[in-house]
Amino acid sequence: MAVIVLPRSLVALFPGADRRVMMEGRSVRELIDGLDVRWPGMRDRLCDPGPVIREYINVFVDGESADLSSAVADQTVVQVLLAVAGG
């Protein structure tokens, strides 16, 4: 199982969601699909139509920048971070 670490601001939108989630999946896309099954609407917060990861969402698999097709294995740590924008 992979460990998914979610940002507090995202978890706050989904009652019962945890910051650290254990989930089965072979890709980032499968993990996000699994999150959406547990907490409907989460995929829409993380992905744009296409689907692609939203512009201001960053996903890292074991510390490396990732996209939806990035592979995930057992014991993988997937971090979802919100980018900071402004000027």
C-alpha atoms as a PDB file:
ATOM      1  CA  MET A   1       0.000   0.000   0.000  1.00  0.00           C
ATOM      2  CA  ALA A   2       1.067   3.533  -0.735  1.00  0.00           C
ATOM      3  CA  VAL A   3       0.893   6.335   1.805  1.00  0.00           C
ATOM      4  CA  ILE A   4      -0.774   9.515   0.528  1.00  0.00           C
ATOM      5  CA  VAL A   5      -0.107  12.727   2.439  1.00  0.00           C
ATOM      6  CA  LEU A   6      -2.746  15.377   1.789  1.00  0.00           C
ATOM      7  CA  PRO A   7      -2.663  19.111   2.609  1.00  0.00           C
ATOM      8  CA  ARG A   8      -4.723  20.287   5.588  1.00  0.00           C
ATOM      9  CA  SER A   9      -6.681  22.743   3.449  1.00  0.00           C
ATOM     10  CA  LEU A  10      -7.883  19.894   1.204  1.00  0.00           C
ATOM     11  CA  VAL A  11      -8.720  17.554   4.085  1.00  0.00           C
ATOM     12  CA  ALA A  12     -10.782  20.320   5.705  1.00  0.00           C
ATOM     13  CA  LEU A  13     -13.187  20.206   2.737  1.00  0.00           C
ATOM     14  CA  PHE A  14     -13.994  16.498   3.222  1.00  0.00           C
ATOM     15  CA  PRO A  15     -15.430  15.481   6.614  1.00  0.00           C
ATOM     16  CA  GLY A  16     -13.784  12.325   7.894  1.00  0.00           C
ATOM     17  CA  ALA A  17     -10.771  12.606   5.573  1.00  0.00           C
ATOM     18  CA  ASP A  18      -7.329  12.020   7.078  1.00  0.00           C
ATOM     19  CA  ARG A  19      -4.080  13.756   6.188  1.00  0.00           C
ATOM     20  CA  ARG A  20      -2.329  10.376   5.804  1.00  0.00           C
ATOM     21  CA  VAL A  21      -4.174   7.726   3.821  1.00  0.00           C
ATOM     22  CA  MET A  22      -3.071   4.159   3.038  1.00  0.00           C
ATOM     23  CA  MET A  23      -4.294   3.012  -0.366  1.00  0.00           C
ATOM     24  CA  GLU A  24      -3.688   0.389  -3.039  1.00  0.00           C
ATOM     25  CA  GLY A  25      -2.850   1.574  -6.538  1.00  0.00           C
ATOM     26  CA  ARG A  26      -0.281   1.237  -9.311  1.00  0.00           C
ATOM     27  CA  SER A  27      -0.307   4.867 -10.447  1.00  0.00           C
ATOM     28  CA  VAL A  28      -1.060   8.334  -9.130  1.00  0.00           C
ATOM     29  CA  ARG A  29      -4.265   8.259 -11.215  1.00  0.00           C
ATOM     30  CA  GLU A  30      -5.446   5.074  -9.459  1.00  0.00           C
ATOM     31  CA  LEU A  31      -4.722   6.603  -6.054  1.00  0.00           C
ATOM     32  CA  ILE A  32      -6.673   9.755  -6.888  1.00  0.00           C
ATOM     33  CA  ASP A  33      -9.542   7.591  -8.159  1.00  0.00           C
ATOM     34  CA  GLY A  34      -9.446   5.719  -4.843  1.00  0.00           C
ATOM     35  CA  LEU A  35      -9.529   8.982  -2.889  1.00  0.00           C
ATOM     36  CA  ASP A  36     -12.555  10.042  -4.928  1.00  0.00           C
ATOM     37  CA  VAL A  37     -14.353   6.794  -4.073  1.00  0.00           C
ATOM     38  CA  ARG A  38     -13.793   7.424  -0.346  1.00  0.00           C
ATOM     39  CA  TRP A  39     -14.488  11.158  -0.514  1.00  0.00           C
ATOM     40  CA  PRO A  40     -16.556  12.031  -3.606  1.00  0.00           C
ATOM     41  CA  GLY A  41     -15.428  15.268  -5.205  1.00  0.00           C
ATOM     42  CA  MET A  42     -11.786  14.979  -4.199  1.00  0.00           C
ATOM     43  CA  ARG A  43     -10.712  14.173  -7.782  1.00  0.00           C
ATOM     44  CA  ASP A  44     -12.324  17.429  -8.933  1.00  0.00           C
ATOM     45  CA  ARG A  45     -10.244  19.343  -6.385  1.00  0.00           C
ATOM     46  CA  LEU A  46      -7.026  17.704  -7.598  1.00  0.00           C
ATOM     47  CA  CYS A  47      -7.577  17.321 -11.358  1.00  0.00           C
ATOM     48  CA  ASP A  48      -8.818  19.342 -14.305  1.00  0.00           C
ATOM     49  CA  PRO A  49     -10.694  17.709 -17.198  1.00  0.00           C
ATOM     50  CA  GLY A  50      -8.410  15.752 -19.438  1.00  0.00           C
ATOM     51  CA  PRO A  51      -7.664  14.546 -16.825  1.00  0.00           C
ATOM     52  CA  VAL A  52      -4.542  16.366 -15.669  1.00  0.00           C
ATOM     53  CA  ILE A  53      -3.386  17.492 -12.261  1.00  0.00           C
ATOM     54  CA  ARG A  54      -4.539  21.055 -11.621  1.00  0.00           C
ATOM     55  CA  GLU A  55      -2.019  23.821 -12.253  1.00  0.00           C
ATOM     56  CA  TYR A  56      -1.561  24.761  -8.594  1.00  0.00           C
ATOM     57  CA  ILE A  57      -1.397  21.211  -7.261  1.00  0.00           C
ATOM     58  CA  ASN A  58       1.973  19.478  -7.032  1.00  0.00           C
ATOM     59  CA  VAL A  59       2.294  15.727  -6.581  1.00  0.00           C
ATOM     60  CA  PHE A  60       5.503  13.996  -5.546  1.00  0.00           C
ATOM     61  CA  VAL A  61       6.188  10.255  -5.509  1.00  0.00           C
ATOM     62  CA  ASP A  62       9.024   9.446  -3.113  1.00  0.00           C
ATOM     63  CA  GLY A  63      10.233  13.041  -3.428  1.00  0.00           C
ATOM     64  CA  GLU A  64      10.167  13.175  -7.252  1.00  0.00           C
ATOM     65  CA  SER A  65       7.743  15.354  -9.204  1.00  0.00           C
ATOM     66  CA  ALA A  66       4.926  13.202 -10.590  1.00  0.00           C
ATOM     67  CA  ASP A  67       1.917  13.257 -12.902  1.00  0.00           C
ATOM     68  CA  LEU A  68      -1.139  11.005 -13.172  1.00  0.00           C
ATOM     69  CA  SER A  69       0.768   8.292 -15.034  1.00  0.00           C
ATOM     70  CA  SER A  70       3.585   8.082 -12.474  1.00  0.00           C
ATOM     71  CA  ALA A  71       4.053   4.581 -11.103  1.00  0.00           C
ATOM     72  CA  VAL A  72       3.384   3.771  -7.472  1.00  0.00           C
ATOM     73  CA  ALA A  73       4.613   0.709  -5.563  1.00  0.00           C
ATOM     74  CA  ASP A  74       4.143  -0.671  -2.055  1.00  0.00           C
ATOM     75  CA  GLN A  75       5.593   1.601   0.615  1.00  0.00           C
ATOM     76  CA  THR A  76       5.631   4.564  -1.793  1.00  0.00           C
ATOM     77  CA  VAL A  77       4.986   7.965  -0.225  1.00  0.00           C
ATOM     78  CA  VAL A  78       2.855  10.269  -2.380  1.00  0.00           C
ATOM     79  CA  GLN A  79       2.682  13.878  -1.246  1.00  0.00           C
ATOM     80  CA  VAL A  80       0.074  16.293  -2.531  1.00  0.00           C
ATOM     81  CA  LEU A  81       1.081  19.932  -2.060  1.00  0.00           C
ATOM     82  CA  LEU A  82      -0.636  23.170  -2.931  1.00  0.00           C
ATOM     83  CA  ALA A  83       1.537  25.578  -4.896  1.00  0.00           C
ATOM     84  CA  VAL A  84       1.809  29.144  -3.675  1.00  0.00           C
ATOM     85  CA  ALA A  85       1.084  31.815  -6.237  1.00  0.00           C
ATOM     86  CA  GLY A  86       0.857  35.529  -6.129  1.00  0.00           C
ATOM     87  CA  GLY A  87       2.893  38.568  -6.692  1.00  0.00           C
END
